[in-house]
Amino acid sequence: DLVTTAWSIYIDNLTEDEIFAFEEFTKVFYRPSERMLAAGERYERWKSPGSEDKRVDRAVDRVVLGTRTHGELGRRDTPAQYICKLISATLWLCSHARVERKWAEIVLGRWVRQMCLRRASFVCFHKTWSWLSLLDHVGPLPTFVRAEFLSAVCLALPMLSDLRGTLSGGDSASDVSNRGGGVCVGL
């Protein structure tokens, strides 16, 4: 039964980001899009839990799950002091020879939240996922895991998004391998 299936799945955080010229936006300001209206009708039909108090339709400035998106300023940011506290927690974790799996999962999970603002930054975590899946309860913190966490710290500033940035029409190439010779071309 579709209703029972839909109820058993927790539905949350349906967001839609749209980009408008200012003149166009004034015509639809705070009006829901067709997609959001259709989703709302399905949620209502499925009797999905939700909160109208938290609903935001086509706003210039909004906060969803602690992430603030300001269209006019062209910024997408985590809450104030989030990145500073995350860097501090990462350095604390890296200062230990042995760590609990729980703390490694918490710090890694917070980096994932930050990286959702700039998905290309996920590249800094590769071996850490495998290490974490093998870690029992408490274990040594290998050098390669420290290196990946510290890479995330170094990428913290580029993770901040400027939504007004334009895409380059030019070709690009980069070597991302450890030994050289590996090339990735973007067109």
C-alpha atoms as a PDB file:
ATOM      1  CA  ASP A   1       0.000   0.000   0.000  1.00  0.00           C
ATOM      2  CA  LEU A   2       1.509   3.311  -1.146  1.00  0.00           C
ATOM      3  CA  VAL A   3       0.269   5.316   1.848  1.00  0.00           C
ATOM      4  CA  THR A   4       1.828   2.895   4.350  1.00  0.00           C
ATOM      5  CA  THR A   5       5.079   2.832   2.399  1.00  0.00           C
ATOM      6  CA  ALA A   6       5.238   6.620   2.234  1.00  0.00           C
ATOM      7  CA  TRP A   7       4.500   6.910   5.952  1.00  0.00           C
ATOM      8  CA  SER A   8       7.329   4.538   6.849  1.00  0.00           C
ATOM      9  CA  ILE A   9       9.811   6.746   4.956  1.00  0.00           C
ATOM     10  CA  TYR A  10      10.679   9.931   6.813  1.00  0.00           C
ATOM     11  CA  ILE A  11      10.372  12.777   4.335  1.00  0.00           C
ATOM     12  CA  ASP A  12      12.208  15.945   5.257  1.00  0.00           C
ATOM     13  CA  ASN A  13      14.116  18.883   3.863  1.00  0.00           C
ATOM     14  CA  LEU A  14      12.641  19.169   0.384  1.00  0.00           C
ATOM     15  CA  THR A  15      14.411  22.219  -0.963  1.00  0.00           C
ATOM     16  CA  GLU A  16      14.555  23.764  -4.381  1.00  0.00           C
ATOM     17  CA  ASP A  17      17.097  26.389  -5.355  1.00  0.00           C
ATOM     18  CA  GLU A  18      16.128  28.634  -8.232  1.00  0.00           C
ATOM     19  CA  ILE A  19      18.053  31.466  -9.846  1.00  0.00           C
ATOM     20  CA  PHE A  20      16.169  34.522 -11.094  1.00  0.00           C
ATOM     21  CA  ALA A  21      17.035  37.938 -12.453  1.00  0.00           C
ATOM     22  CA  PHE A  22      15.861  40.497  -9.898  1.00  0.00           C
ATOM     23  CA  GLU A  23      13.035  41.762 -12.147  1.00  0.00           C
ATOM     24  CA  GLU A  24      11.695  38.219 -12.606  1.00  0.00           C
ATOM     25  CA  PHE A  25      12.018  37.404  -8.913  1.00  0.00           C
ATOM     26  CA  THR A  26       9.788  40.297  -7.836  1.00  0.00           C
ATOM     27  CA  LYS A  27       6.934  38.619  -9.741  1.00  0.00           C
ATOM     28  CA  VAL A  28       7.222  35.301  -7.851  1.00  0.00           C
ATOM     29  CA  PHE A  29       8.590  36.515  -4.502  1.00  0.00           C
ATOM     30  CA  TYR A  30       7.340  34.221  -1.649  1.00  0.00           C
ATOM     31  CA  ARG A  31       5.108  32.222  -4.013  1.00  0.00           C
ATOM     32  CA  PRO A  32       5.651  28.452  -4.119  1.00  0.00           C
ATOM     33  CA  SER A  33       6.898  26.884  -7.336  1.00  0.00           C
ATOM     34  CA  GLU A  34       4.847  24.327  -9.257  1.00  0.00           C
ATOM     35  CA  ARG A  35       7.235  21.588  -8.133  1.00  0.00           C
ATOM     36  CA  MET A  36       6.856  22.474  -4.455  1.00  0.00           C
ATOM     37  CA  LEU A  37       3.050  22.683  -4.740  1.00  0.00           C
ATOM     38  CA  ALA A  38       2.957  19.206  -6.343  1.00  0.00           C
ATOM     39  CA  ALA A  39       5.238  17.807  -3.629  1.00  0.00           C
ATOM     40  CA  GLY A  40       3.089  19.392  -0.924  1.00  0.00           C
ATOM     41  CA  GLU A  41      -0.037  17.770  -2.364  1.00  0.00           C
ATOM     42  CA  ARG A  42       1.657  14.354  -2.388  1.00  0.00           C
ATOM     43  CA  TYR A  43       2.877  14.797   1.186  1.00  0.00           C
ATOM     44  CA  GLU A  44      -0.615  15.758   2.299  1.00  0.00           C
ATOM     45  CA  ARG A  45      -2.153  12.777   0.485  1.00  0.00           C
ATOM     46  CA  TRP A  46       0.424  10.468   2.133  1.00  0.00           C
ATOM     47  CA  LYS A  47      -0.234  12.124   5.512  1.00  0.00           C
ATOM     48  CA  SER A  48       3.486  12.813   5.878  1.00  0.00           C
ATOM     49  CA  PRO A  49       4.582  14.773   8.949  1.00  0.00           C
ATOM     50  CA  GLY A  50       5.664  18.323   8.309  1.00  0.00           C
ATOM     51  CA  SER A  51       5.707  21.845   9.652  1.00  0.00           C
ATOM     52  CA  GLU A  52       4.149  24.796   7.860  1.00  0.00           C
ATOM     53  CA  ASP A  53       6.006  27.076  10.305  1.00  0.00           C
ATOM     54  CA  LYS A  54       9.317  26.016   8.750  1.00  0.00           C
ATOM     55  CA  ARG A  55       8.169  26.305   5.143  1.00  0.00           C
ATOM     56  CA  VAL A  56       9.895  28.986   3.086  1.00  0.00           C
ATOM     57  CA  ASP A  57       8.824  29.792  -0.469  1.00  0.00           C
ATOM     58  CA  ARG A  58      11.088  31.699  -2.862  1.00  0.00           C
ATOM     59  CA  ALA A  59      12.767  33.879  -0.280  1.00  0.00           C
ATOM     60  CA  VAL A  60      15.938  35.908  -0.701  1.00  0.00           C
ATOM     61  CA  ASP A  61      17.322  34.833   2.687  1.00  0.00           C
ATOM     62  CA  ARG A  62      16.521  31.495   4.341  1.00  0.00           C
ATOM     63  CA  VAL A  63      17.879  28.988   6.835  1.00  0.00           C
ATOM     64  CA  VAL A  64      17.328  25.274   6.212  1.00  0.00           C
ATOM     65  CA  LEU A  65      18.819  22.745   8.636  1.00  0.00           C
ATOM     66  CA  GLY A  66      21.211  25.363   9.964  1.00  0.00           C
ATOM     67  CA  THR A  67      22.559  26.387   6.541  1.00  0.00           C
ATOM     68  CA  ARG A  68      21.842  29.968   5.542  1.00  0.00           C
ATOM     69  CA  THR A  69      21.384  30.800   1.860  1.00  0.00           C
ATOM     70  CA  HIS A  70      21.266  34.472   0.970  1.00  0.00           C
ATOM     71  CA  GLY A  71      20.477  34.918  -2.710  1.00  0.00           C
ATOM     72  CA  GLU A  72      21.063  38.655  -2.909  1.00  0.00           C
ATOM     73  CA  LEU A  73      24.468  38.430  -1.225  1.00  0.00           C
ATOM     74  CA  GLY A  74      25.211  35.246  -3.162  1.00  0.00           C
ATOM     75  CA  ARG A  75      26.300  33.345  -0.052  1.00  0.00           C
ATOM     76  CA  ARG A  76      25.636  29.899   1.372  1.00  0.00           C
ATOM     77  CA  ASP A  77      27.023  29.515   4.882  1.00  0.00           C
ATOM     78  CA  THR A  78      26.921  27.207   7.857  1.00  0.00           C
ATOM     79  CA  PRO A  79      25.975  28.749  11.217  1.00  0.00           C
ATOM     80  CA  ALA A  80      28.272  31.312  12.813  1.00  0.00           C
ATOM     81  CA  GLN A  81      31.448  29.804  14.279  1.00  0.00           C
ATOM     82  CA  TYR A  82      30.661  26.366  12.778  1.00  0.00           C
ATOM     83  CA  ILE A  83      33.821  26.139  10.694  1.00  0.00           C
ATOM     84  CA  CYS A  84      36.015  27.454  13.540  1.00  0.00           C
ATOM     85  CA  LYS A  85      34.635  24.834  15.926  1.00  0.00           C
ATOM     86  CA  LEU A  86      35.017  22.137  13.252  1.00  0.00           C
ATOM     87  CA  ILE A  87      38.665  23.022  12.657  1.00  0.00           C
ATOM     88  CA  SER A  88      39.231  22.975  16.414  1.00  0.00           C
ATOM     89  CA  ALA A  89      37.580  19.540  16.752  1.00  0.00           C
ATOM     90  CA  THR A  90      39.643  18.224  13.836  1.00  0.00           C
ATOM     91  CA  LEU A  91      42.921  19.415  15.373  1.00  0.00           C
ATOM     92  CA  TRP A  92      41.877  17.908  18.704  1.00  0.00           C
ATOM     93  CA  LEU A  93      41.156  14.566  17.003  1.00  0.00           C
ATOM     94  CA  CYS A  94      44.468  14.633  15.108  1.00  0.00           C
ATOM     95  CA  SER A  95      46.392  15.332  18.323  1.00  0.00           C
ATOM     96  CA  HIS A  96      45.535  11.878  19.715  1.00  0.00           C
ATOM     97  CA  ALA A  97      47.470   8.696  18.975  1.00  0.00           C
ATOM     98  CA  ARG A  98      44.357   6.557  19.539  1.00  0.00           C
ATOM     99  CA  VAL A  99      40.764   7.603  18.923  1.00  0.00           C
ATOM    100  CA  GLU A 100      37.295   6.311  19.566  1.00  0.00           C
ATOM    101  CA  ARG A 101      35.325   5.435  16.465  1.00  0.00           C
ATOM    102  CA  LYS A 102      32.443   7.608  17.684  1.00  0.00           C
ATOM    103  CA  TRP A 103      34.588  10.771  17.733  1.00  0.00           C
ATOM    104  CA  ALA A 104      36.043  10.076  14.306  1.00  0.00           C
ATOM    105  CA  GLU A 105      32.505   9.566  12.944  1.00  0.00           C
ATOM    106  CA  ILE A 106      31.282  12.822  14.517  1.00  0.00           C
ATOM    107  CA  VAL A 107      34.137  14.913  13.115  1.00  0.00           C
ATOM    108  CA  LEU A 108      33.920  13.261   9.695  1.00  0.00           C
ATOM    109  CA  GLY A 109      30.141  13.747   9.637  1.00  0.00           C
ATOM    110  CA  ARG A 110      30.533  17.441  10.385  1.00  0.00           C
ATOM    111  CA  TRP A 111      33.024  17.785   7.559  1.00  0.00           C
ATOM    112  CA  VAL A 112      30.519  16.101   5.249  1.00  0.00           C
ATOM    113  CA  ARG A 113      27.948  18.718   6.246  1.00  0.00           C
ATOM    114  CA  GLN A 114      30.418  21.500   5.470  1.00  0.00           C
ATOM    115  CA  MET A 115      31.447  19.883   2.202  1.00  0.00           C
ATOM    116  CA  CYS A 116      27.860  19.754   0.987  1.00  0.00           C
ATOM    117  CA  LEU A 117      28.285  23.478   0.338  1.00  0.00           C
ATOM    118  CA  ARG A 118      31.109  22.732  -2.120  1.00  0.00           C
ATOM    119  CA  ARG A 119      30.857  19.105  -3.210  1.00  0.00           C
ATOM    120  CA  ALA A 120      34.189  19.059  -5.066  1.00  0.00           C
ATOM    121  CA  SER A 121      35.922  19.250  -1.668  1.00  0.00           C
ATOM    122  CA  PHE A 122      34.811  15.669  -0.878  1.00  0.00           C
ATOM    123  CA  VAL A 123      37.953  14.611  -2.735  1.00  0.00           C
ATOM    124  CA  CYS A 124      40.066  15.035   0.419  1.00  0.00           C
ATOM    125  CA  PHE A 125      38.427  12.031   2.149  1.00  0.00           C
ATOM    126  CA  HIS A 126      39.230   8.755   0.456  1.00  0.00           C
ATOM    127  CA  LYS A 127      41.075   6.288   2.702  1.00  0.00           C
ATOM    128  CA  THR A 128      39.375   7.600   5.851  1.00  0.00           C
ATOM    129  CA  TRP A 129      36.075   5.935   4.878  1.00  0.00           C
ATOM    130  CA  SER A 130      37.739   2.504   4.585  1.00  0.00           C
ATOM    131  CA  TRP A 131      39.686   3.001   7.801  1.00  0.00           C
ATOM    132  CA  LEU A 132      36.537   4.001   9.670  1.00  0.00           C
ATOM    133  CA  SER A 133      34.640   0.941   8.447  1.00  0.00           C
ATOM    134  CA  LEU A 134      37.417  -1.309   9.801  1.00  0.00           C
ATOM    135  CA  LEU A 135      37.889   0.526  13.111  1.00  0.00           C
ATOM    136  CA  ASP A 136      36.463  -1.445  16.001  1.00  0.00           C
ATOM    137  CA  HIS A 137      35.757   0.729  19.052  1.00  0.00           C
ATOM    138  CA  VAL A 138      39.104   2.413  19.735  1.00  0.00           C
ATOM    139  CA  GLY A 139      42.164   2.317  17.549  1.00  0.00           C
ATOM    140  CA  PRO A 140      45.281   4.106  16.377  1.00  0.00           C
ATOM    141  CA  LEU A 141      44.866   7.166  14.165  1.00  0.00           C
ATOM    142  CA  PRO A 142      46.970   6.439  11.065  1.00  0.00           C
ATOM    143  CA  THR A 143      49.034   9.130   9.376  1.00  0.00           C
ATOM    144  CA  PHE A 144      46.976   8.937   6.174  1.00  0.00           C
ATOM    145  CA  VAL A 145      43.776   9.675   8.137  1.00  0.00           C
ATOM    146  CA  ARG A 146      45.445  12.641   9.838  1.00  0.00           C
ATOM    147  CA  ALA A 147      46.579  13.866   6.417  1.00  0.00           C
ATOM    148  CA  GLU A 148      43.041  13.660   5.014  1.00  0.00           C
ATOM    149  CA  PHE A 149      41.543  15.495   7.989  1.00  0.00           C
ATOM    150  CA  LEU A 150      44.212  18.199   7.717  1.00  0.00           C
ATOM    151  CA  SER A 151      43.512  18.456   3.974  1.00  0.00           C
ATOM    152  CA  ALA A 152      39.905  19.230   4.875  1.00  0.00           C
ATOM    153  CA  VAL A 153      41.115  21.990   7.208  1.00  0.00           C
ATOM    154  CA  CYS A 154      43.170  23.451   4.338  1.00  0.00           C
ATOM    155  CA  LEU A 155      40.126  23.338   2.039  1.00  0.00           C
ATOM    156  CA  ALA A 156      37.835  25.015   4.576  1.00  0.00           C
ATOM    157  CA  LEU A 157      37.924  28.485   3.013  1.00  0.00           C
ATOM    158  CA  PRO A 158      37.274  27.371  -0.584  1.00  0.00           C
ATOM    159  CA  MET A 159      34.241  25.434   0.733  1.00  0.00           C
ATOM    160  CA  LEU A 160      32.457  28.728   1.279  1.00  0.00           C
ATOM    161  CA  SER A 161      30.200  29.362  -1.683  1.00  0.00           C
ATOM    162  CA  ASP A 162      29.693  32.496  -3.696  1.00  0.00           C
ATOM    163  CA  LEU A 163      26.524  31.778  -5.627  1.00  0.00           C
ATOM    164  CA  ARG A 164      27.093  34.817  -7.837  1.00  0.00           C
ATOM    165  CA  GLY A 165      30.240  33.304  -9.318  1.00  0.00           C
ATOM    166  CA  THR A 166      30.062  32.653 -13.025  1.00  0.00           C
ATOM    167  CA  LEU A 167      31.162  29.527 -14.831  1.00  0.00           C
ATOM    168  CA  SER A 168      34.116  29.792 -17.134  1.00  0.00           C
ATOM    169  CA  GLY A 169      33.533  28.769 -20.713  1.00  0.00           C
ATOM    170  CA  GLY A 170      37.203  27.871 -21.122  1.00  0.00           C
ATOM    171  CA  ASP A 171      38.789  24.423 -21.025  1.00  0.00           C
ATOM    172  CA  SER A 172      40.643  23.369 -17.896  1.00  0.00           C
ATOM    173  CA  ALA A 173      43.063  20.590 -17.030  1.00  0.00           C
ATOM    174  CA  SER A 174      44.487  19.502 -13.713  1.00  0.00           C
ATOM    175  CA  ASP A 175      46.786  16.780 -12.421  1.00  0.00           C
ATOM    176  CA  VAL A 176      45.321  15.297  -9.243  1.00  0.00           C
ATOM    177  CA  SER A 177      47.517  12.222  -8.942  1.00  0.00           C
ATOM    178  CA  ASN A 178      50.165  11.784  -6.261  1.00  0.00           C
ATOM    179  CA  ARG A 179      52.931  10.941  -8.756  1.00  0.00           C
ATOM    180  CA  GLY A 180      52.014  13.151 -11.723  1.00  0.00           C
ATOM    181  CA  GLY A 181      50.830  12.138 -15.136  1.00  0.00           C
ATOM    182  CA  GLY A 182      47.132  11.926 -14.245  1.00  0.00           C
ATOM    183  CA  VAL A 183      45.062  14.519 -16.050  1.00  0.00           C
ATOM    184  CA  CYS A 184      41.414  15.475 -15.701  1.00  0.00           C
ATOM    185  CA  VAL A 185      39.955  17.696 -18.396  1.00  0.00           C
ATOM    186  CA  GLY A 186      36.814  19.766 -17.934  1.00  0.00           C
ATOM    187  CA  LEU A 187      35.077  21.204 -20.976  1.00  0.00           C
END
